[in-house]
C-alpha atoms as a PDB file:
ATOM      1  CA  MET A   1      91.926  80.486 109.079  1.00  0.00           C
ATOM      2  CA  MET A   2      93.234  83.666 110.684  1.00  0.00           C
ATOM      3  CA  ALA A   3      96.678  84.234 112.131  1.00  0.00           C
ATOM      4  CA  ASN A   4      98.856  86.993 113.495  1.00  0.00           C
ATOM      5  CA  THR A   5     102.326  86.739 114.985  1.00  0.00           C
ATOM      6  CA  ALA A   6     101.019  85.294 118.265  1.00  0.00           C
ATOM      7  CA  VAL A   7      97.881  83.240 117.578  1.00  0.00           C
ATOM      8  CA  ALA A   8      96.414  81.029 114.836  1.00  0.00           C
ATOM      9  CA  PHE A   9      92.702  80.238 114.611  1.00  0.00           C
ATOM     10  CA  PHE A  10      91.206  77.591 112.330  1.00  0.00           C
ATOM     11  CA  MET A  11      87.602  77.111 111.265  1.00  0.00           C
ATOM     12  CA  ILE A  12      86.256  74.394 108.963  1.00  0.00           C
ATOM     13  CA  HIS A  13      83.366  75.416 106.717  1.00  0.00           C
ATOM     14  CA  PRO A  14      81.715  73.544 103.812  1.00  0.00           C
ATOM     15  CA  LYS A  15      82.548  76.265 101.301  1.00  0.00           C
ATOM     16  CA  ARG A  16      84.470  79.490 100.779  1.00  0.00           C
ATOM     17  CA  SER A  17      81.780  82.158 100.964  1.00  0.00           C
ATOM     18  CA  LYS A  18      80.668  85.416 102.548  1.00  0.00           C
ATOM     19  CA  LYS A  19      78.818  83.409 105.192  1.00  0.00           C
ATOM     20  CA  ALA A  20      81.969  81.449 106.054  1.00  0.00           C
ATOM     21  CA  PHE A  21      84.045  84.631 106.205  1.00  0.00           C
ATOM     22  CA  GLU A  22      81.572  86.352 108.524  1.00  0.00           C
ATOM     23  CA  ALA A  23      81.443  83.281 110.771  1.00  0.00           C
ATOM     24  CA  LEU A  24      85.234  83.339 110.987  1.00  0.00           C
ATOM     25  CA  ILE A  25      85.783  87.011 111.786  1.00  0.00           C
ATOM     26  CA  LYS A  26      82.524  87.790 113.658  1.00  0.00           C
ATOM     27  CA  ASP A  27      83.059  91.270 115.189  1.00  0.00           C
ATOM     28  CA  TRP A  28      86.815  91.417 114.551  1.00  0.00           C
ATOM     29  CA  MET A  29      87.842  94.799 113.104  1.00  0.00           C
ATOM     30  CA  GLY A  30      91.572  94.519 112.521  1.00  0.00           C
ATOM     31  CA  ILE A  31      93.504  94.994 109.276  1.00  0.00           C
ATOM     32  CA  LEU A  32      92.860  92.129 106.871  1.00  0.00           C
ATOM     33  CA  VAL A  33      95.761  90.788 104.791  1.00  0.00           C
ATOM     34  CA  SER A  34      94.312  88.626 102.028  1.00  0.00           C
ATOM     35  CA  ASP A  35      94.253  87.641  98.385  1.00  0.00           C
ATOM     36  CA  GLY A  36      91.863  89.313  95.956  1.00  0.00           C
ATOM     37  CA  TYR A  37      88.828  87.084  96.567  1.00  0.00           C
ATOM     38  CA  GLY A  38      85.677  89.174  96.042  1.00  0.00           C
ATOM     39  CA  VAL A  39      84.357  88.735  99.589  1.00  0.00           C
ATOM     40  CA  TYR A  40      87.636  90.058 100.988  1.00  0.00           C
ATOM     41  CA  ARG A  41      87.634  93.053  98.635  1.00  0.00           C
ATOM     42  CA  LYS A  42      84.263  94.077 100.116  1.00  0.00           C
ATOM     43  CA  TRP A  43      85.730  94.060 103.643  1.00  0.00           C
ATOM     44  CA  VAL A  44      84.575  97.292 105.288  1.00  0.00           C
ATOM     45  CA  GLY A  45      87.741  97.692 107.355  1.00  0.00           C
ATOM     46  CA  GLN A  46      91.318  98.284 106.272  1.00  0.00           C
ATOM     47  CA  ARG A  47      92.868  95.677 104.013  1.00  0.00           C
ATOM     48  CA  GLN A  48      96.259  94.834 102.554  1.00  0.00           C
ATOM     49  CA  THR A  49      96.004  92.814  99.375  1.00  0.00           C
ATOM     50  CA  CYS A  50      98.627  90.092  99.119  1.00  0.00           C
ATOM     51  CA  LEU A  51     101.372  91.340  96.808  1.00  0.00           C
ATOM     52  CA  ALA A  52     102.761  87.815  96.411  1.00  0.00           C
ATOM     53  CA  HIS A  53      99.534  86.713  94.705  1.00  0.00           C
ATOM     54  CA  LEU A  54      99.700  89.672  92.329  1.00  0.00           C
ATOM     55  CA  ILE A  55     103.378  89.051  91.593  1.00  0.00           C
ATOM     56  CA  ARG A  56     102.641  85.414  90.740  1.00  0.00           C
ATOM     57  CA  LYS A  57      99.900  86.508  88.336  1.00  0.00           C
ATOM     58  CA  ALA A  58     102.209  89.107  86.777  1.00  0.00           C
ATOM     59  CA  THR A  59     104.875  86.419  86.346  1.00  0.00           C
ATOM     60  CA  GLU A  60     102.323  84.240  84.571  1.00  0.00           C
ATOM     61  CA  LEU A  61     101.484  87.098  82.199  1.00  0.00           C
ATOM     62  CA  SER A  62     105.174  87.795  81.557  1.00  0.00           C
ATOM     63  CA  GLU A  63     105.499  84.280  80.123  1.00  0.00           C
ATOM     64  CA  SER A  64     102.693  84.798  77.595  1.00  0.00           C
ATOM     65  CA  LYS A  65     103.399  84.240  73.906  1.00  0.00           C
ATOM     66  CA  ASN A  66     101.524  87.465  73.201  1.00  0.00           C
ATOM     67  CA  PRO A  67     104.225  90.181  73.285  1.00  0.00           C
ATOM     68  CA  GLU A  68     101.942  92.910  74.654  1.00  0.00           C
ATOM     69  CA  ILE A  69     100.628  90.710  77.462  1.00  0.00           C
ATOM     70  CA  ALA A  70     104.184  89.609  78.263  1.00  0.00           C
ATOM     71  CA  LYS A  71     105.298  93.250  78.338  1.00  0.00           C
ATOM     72  CA  CYS A  72     102.480  94.120  80.746  1.00  0.00           C
ATOM     73  CA  GLY A  73     103.411  91.158  82.941  1.00  0.00           C
ATOM     74  CA  LYS A  74     107.091  92.086  83.113  1.00  0.00           C
ATOM     75  CA  TRP A  75     106.310  95.727  83.864  1.00  0.00           C
ATOM     76  CA  SER A  76     103.737  94.810  86.505  1.00  0.00           C
ATOM     77  CA  LYS A  77     106.058  92.283  88.127  1.00  0.00           C
ATOM     78  CA  ALA A  78     108.880  94.823  88.367  1.00  0.00           C
ATOM     79  CA  GLU A  79     106.658  97.477  89.967  1.00  0.00           C
ATOM     80  CA  LEU A  80     104.996  95.062  92.402  1.00  0.00           C
ATOM     81  CA  GLN A  81     108.338  93.613  93.473  1.00  0.00           C
ATOM     82  CA  ARG A  82     109.641  97.139  93.977  1.00  0.00           C
ATOM     83  CA  LEU A  83     106.599  97.928  96.133  1.00  0.00           C
ATOM     84  CA  CYS A  84     107.064  94.741  98.159  1.00  0.00           C
ATOM     85  CA  HIS A  85     110.718  95.595  98.836  1.00  0.00           C
ATOM     86  CA  MET A  86     109.600  98.903 100.336  1.00  0.00           C
ATOM     87  CA  ALA A  87     108.560  96.918 103.416  1.00  0.00           C
ATOM     88  CA  HIS A  88     112.266  96.592 104.234  1.00  0.00           C
ATOM     89  CA  SER A  89     113.460  99.857 102.728  1.00  0.00           C
ATOM     90  CA  PRO A  90     110.841 102.646 102.987  1.00  0.00           C
ATOM     91  CA  PRO A  91     110.933 104.964  99.957  1.00  0.00           C
ATOM     92  CA  THR A  92     111.803 108.626  99.972  1.00  0.00           C
ATOM     93  CA  SER A  93     109.101 111.004  98.779  1.00  0.00           C
ATOM     94  CA  GLY A  94     110.848 111.215  95.414  1.00  0.00           C
ATOM     95  CA  GLN A  95     111.034 107.438  95.047  1.00  0.00           C
ATOM     96  CA  TRP A  96     107.390 107.086  96.017  1.00  0.00           C
ATOM     97  CA  ASN A  97     106.200 109.747  93.567  1.00  0.00           C
ATOM     98  CA  ALA A  98     108.168 108.084  90.765  1.00  0.00           C
ATOM     99  CA  PHE A  99     106.753 104.665  91.640  1.00  0.00           C
ATOM    100  CA  TYR A 100     103.179 105.958  91.822  1.00  0.00           C
ATOM    101  CA  ALA A 101     103.514 107.724  88.466  1.00  0.00           C
ATOM    102  CA  ARG A 102     104.793 104.528  86.829  1.00  0.00           C
ATOM    103  CA  LEU A 103     101.977 102.464  88.355  1.00  0.00           C
ATOM    104  CA  ILE A 104      99.294 104.859  87.110  1.00  0.00           C
ATOM    105  CA  ARG A 105     100.908 104.883  83.662  1.00  0.00           C
ATOM    106  CA  LEU A 106     100.950 101.073  83.665  1.00  0.00           C
ATOM    107  CA  ILE A 107      97.257 100.877  84.529  1.00  0.00           C
ATOM    108  CA  SER A 108      96.220 103.555  82.026  1.00  0.00           C
ATOM    109  CA  THR A 109      98.246 101.859  79.276  1.00  0.00           C
ATOM    110  CA  TYR A 110      96.458  98.525  79.576  1.00  0.00           C
ATOM    111  CA  GLU A 111      93.118  98.999  81.375  1.00  0.00           C
ATOM    112  CA  ASP A 112      91.022  99.352  78.200  1.00  0.00           C
ATOM    113  CA  ARG A 113      92.308  96.145  76.615  1.00  0.00           C
ATOM    114  CA  LYS A 114      90.000  93.118  76.410  1.00  0.00           C
ATOM    115  CA  ASP A 115      92.736  90.544  77.047  1.00  0.00           C
ATOM    116  CA  ASP A 116      94.549  89.277  80.151  1.00  0.00           C
ATOM    117  CA  ALA A 117      96.685  92.421  80.297  1.00  0.00           C
ATOM    118  CA  GLY A 118      93.565  94.575  80.498  1.00  0.00           C
ATOM    119  CA  ARG A 119      91.963  92.370  83.120  1.00  0.00           C
ATOM    120  CA  PHE A 120      95.088  92.530  85.264  1.00  0.00           C
ATOM    121  CA  ALA A 121      95.358  96.315  84.901  1.00  0.00           C
ATOM    122  CA  ARG A 122      91.735  96.680  86.001  1.00  0.00           C
ATOM    123  CA  ARG A 123      92.424  94.368  88.919  1.00  0.00           C
ATOM    124  CA  LEU A 124      95.296  96.615  90.009  1.00  0.00           C
ATOM    125  CA  LEU A 125      92.989  99.619  89.738  1.00  0.00           C
ATOM    126  CA  ARG A 126      90.337  97.913  91.910  1.00  0.00           C
ATOM    127  CA  GLU A 127      92.955  96.975  94.489  1.00  0.00           C
ATOM    128  CA  ILE A 128      94.952 100.198  94.401  1.00  0.00           C
ATOM    129  CA  GLU A 129      93.826 101.515  97.802  1.00  0.00           C
ATOM    130  CA  SER A 130      94.889  98.217  99.403  1.00  0.00           C
ATOM    131  CA  LEU A 131      98.273  97.805  97.714  1.00  0.00           C
ATOM    132  CA  TRP A 132     100.358  99.724 100.244  1.00  0.00           C
ATOM    133  CA  THR A 133      98.538  99.602 103.587  1.00  0.00           C
ATOM    134  CA  PHE A 134     101.718  98.018 104.982  1.00  0.00           C
ATOM    135  CA  LEU A 135     103.553 101.303 104.389  1.00  0.00           C
ATOM    136  CA  VAL A 136     101.190 103.350 106.549  1.00  0.00           C
ATOM    137  CA  GLU A 137     100.199 100.824 109.231  1.00  0.00           C
ATOM    138  CA  GLU A 138     102.938  99.441 111.484  1.00  0.00           C
ATOM    139  CA  GLY A 139     103.052  95.663 111.795  1.00  0.00           C
ATOM    140  CA  VAL A 140     101.153  94.938 108.573  1.00  0.00           C
ATOM    141  CA  ALA A 141     102.919  92.660 106.077  1.00  0.00           C
ATOM    142  CA  PRO A 142     102.751  93.145 102.292  1.00  0.00           C
ATOM    143  CA  THR A 143     101.782  89.490 101.760  1.00  0.00           C
ATOM    144  CA  ASN A 144      99.706  86.827 103.482  1.00  0.00           C
ATOM    145  CA  ASN A 145     102.635  84.383 103.401  1.00  0.00           C
ATOM    146  CA  HIS A 146     102.487  84.069 107.193  1.00  0.00           C
ATOM    147  CA  ALA A 147      98.926  82.715 107.089  1.00  0.00           C
ATOM    148  CA  GLU A 148      99.792  80.401 104.210  1.00  0.00           C
ATOM    149  CA  ARG A 149     102.687  78.942 106.202  1.00  0.00           C
ATOM    150  CA  MET A 150     100.310  78.342 109.100  1.00  0.00           C
ATOM    151  CA  LEU A 151      97.818  76.712 106.741  1.00  0.00           C
ATOM    152  CA  ARG A 152     100.355  74.413 105.065  1.00  0.00           C
ATOM    153  CA  PHE A 153     100.433  71.987 108.005  1.00  0.00           C
ATOM    154  CA  ALA A 154      96.638  71.673 107.870  1.00  0.00           C
ATOM    155  CA  VAL A 155      96.715  71.032 104.121  1.00  0.00           C
ATOM    156  CA  LEU A 156      99.298  68.259 104.527  1.00  0.00           C
ATOM    157  CA  TRP A 157      97.328  66.757 107.412  1.00  0.00           C
ATOM    158  CA  ARG A 158      94.146  66.702 105.307  1.00  0.00           C
ATOM    159  CA  LYS A 159      95.906  64.982 102.407  1.00  0.00           C
ATOM    160  CA  ARG A 160      97.203  62.251 104.694  1.00  0.00           C
ATOM    161  CA  SER A 161      93.988  61.738 106.686  1.00  0.00           C
ATOM    162  CA  TYR A 162      91.346  62.521 104.025  1.00  0.00           C
ATOM    163  CA  GLY A 163      89.704  65.073 106.298  1.00  0.00           C
ATOM    164  CA  THR A 164      86.784  64.525 108.667  1.00  0.00           C
ATOM    165  CA  ARG A 165      83.312  63.023 108.281  1.00  0.00           C
ATOM    166  CA  SER A 166      81.310  64.634 111.068  1.00  0.00           C
ATOM    167  CA  GLU A 167      80.677  67.970 112.717  1.00  0.00           C
ATOM    168  CA  LYS A 168      82.311  66.677 115.882  1.00  0.00           C
ATOM    169  CA  GLY A 169      85.383  65.779 113.846  1.00  0.00           C
ATOM    170  CA  ASP A 170      85.430  69.252 112.290  1.00  0.00           C
ATOM    171  CA  ARG A 171      85.348  70.907 115.709  1.00  0.00           C
ATOM    172  CA  TRP A 172      88.172  68.678 116.976  1.00  0.00           C
ATOM    173  CA  VAL A 173      90.358  69.454 113.975  1.00  0.00           C
ATOM    174  CA  GLU A 174      89.699  73.189 114.300  1.00  0.00           C
ATOM    175  CA  ARG A 175      90.796  73.151 117.925  1.00  0.00           C
ATOM    176  CA  ILE A 176      93.815  70.886 117.609  1.00  0.00           C
ATOM    177  CA  LEU A 177      95.145  72.815 114.604  1.00  0.00           C
ATOM    178  CA  SER A 178      94.579  76.135 116.381  1.00  0.00           C
ATOM    179  CA  LEU A 179      96.423  74.789 119.418  1.00  0.00           C
ATOM    180  CA  ARG A 180      99.268  73.240 117.453  1.00  0.00           C
ATOM    181  CA  GLN A 181      99.986  76.305 115.316  1.00  0.00           C
ATOM    182  CA  THR A 182      99.554  78.758 118.201  1.00  0.00           C
ATOM    183  CA  CYS A 183     102.033  76.706 120.237  1.00  0.00           C
ATOM    184  CA  ARG A 184     104.402  76.853 117.306  1.00  0.00           C
ATOM    185  CA  LEU A 185     104.102  80.640 117.163  1.00  0.00           C
ATOM    186  CA  ARG A 186     104.701  80.864 120.929  1.00  0.00           C
ATOM    187  CA  CYS A 187     107.670  78.440 120.771  1.00  0.00           C
ATOM    188  CA  LYS A 188     105.912  75.919 123.004  1.00  0.00           C
ATOM    189  CA  THR A 189     105.572  72.140 122.728  1.00  0.00           C
ATOM    190  CA  THR A 190     101.978  71.199 121.939  1.00  0.00           C
ATOM    191  CA  TYR A 191     101.653  67.960 123.912  1.00  0.00           C
ATOM    192  CA  PRO A 192     102.257  69.342 127.454  1.00  0.00           C
ATOM    193  CA  VAL A 193      99.806  72.187 126.802  1.00  0.00           C
ATOM    194  CA  LEU A 194      97.190  69.695 125.592  1.00  0.00           C
ATOM    195  CA  VAL A 195      97.730  67.467 128.645  1.00  0.00           C
ATOM    196  CA  ASP A 196      97.347  70.444 131.003  1.00  0.00           C
ATOM    197  CA  ALA A 197      94.114  71.450 129.243  1.00  0.00           C
ATOM    198  CA  MET A 198      92.694  67.931 129.553  1.00  0.00           C
ATOM    199  CA  ARG A 199      93.611  67.733 133.232  1.00  0.00           C
ATOM    200  CA  ALA A 200      91.886  71.054 133.843  1.00  0.00           C
ATOM    201  CA  TYR A 201      88.802  69.810 131.999  1.00  0.00           C
ATOM    202  CA  PHE A 202      88.445  66.672 134.109  1.00  0.00           C
ATOM    203  CA  LYS A 203      88.937  68.732 137.263  1.00  0.00           C
ATOM    204  CA  GLU A 204      86.302  71.200 136.000  1.00  0.00           C
ATOM    205  CA  GLN A 205      88.874  73.976 136.045  1.00  0.00           C
ATOM    206  CA  THR A 206      89.844  76.622 133.510  1.00  0.00           C
ATOM    207  CA  PRO A 207      93.166  75.787 131.822  1.00  0.00           C
ATOM    208  CA  ASP A 208      96.057  78.224 132.062  1.00  0.00           C
ATOM    209  CA  LEU A 209      95.851  80.511 129.030  1.00  0.00           C
ATOM    210  CA  ALA A 210      98.301  83.163 130.201  1.00  0.00           C
ATOM    211  CA  TRP A 211     101.016  81.825 127.882  1.00  0.00           C
ATOM    212  CA  ILE A 212      98.996  82.917 124.851  1.00  0.00           C
ATOM    213  CA  SER A 213      99.162  86.603 125.746  1.00  0.00           C
ATOM    214  CA  GLN A 214     102.707  86.637 127.087  1.00  0.00           C
ATOM    215  CA  GLY A 215     105.197  88.657 125.059  1.00  0.00           C
END
């Protein structure tokens, strides 16, 4: 699924893959906020990697029984949380230079290790150009928490209903979830909008979509 602050769009696909991703975005060329899934990392446009995902992984490492891995996790968590907080309190040039120096030192300290600390350091190095897009592009968030909140309703629905069993069912679910979550974002009640759309359909008219683009 894709979502911004005004619209949510759902698509059901048999598997998470490059093909599914391309079918979802088509010719969209915005700024992608995502986790570190390989297909997303190869996105040709601008991307912000989700700092919340990295912080959770760093937290996991910080709880390791191996002291060096735990040290890497605690250090990484502190730096990533500091970076995330910059979304609300932009750093001065001095603060940024100090942060960047610490991050590079962190990566260089652990990147040659063969354990989880090394793998995480190399992951940070791969993602480094996408760690702070939110600081240079207005309106970009440091995490994909917004999309995950939009997705949560769909996950709960699927658990209760056991999903769909046909392509027609998939298309219906895509549309009703897109409508429901977009209405939520626009502070509108879903049912009246759905009724208006159905009335327009039976009258062979185009439903009113102006509310989607209204500020």
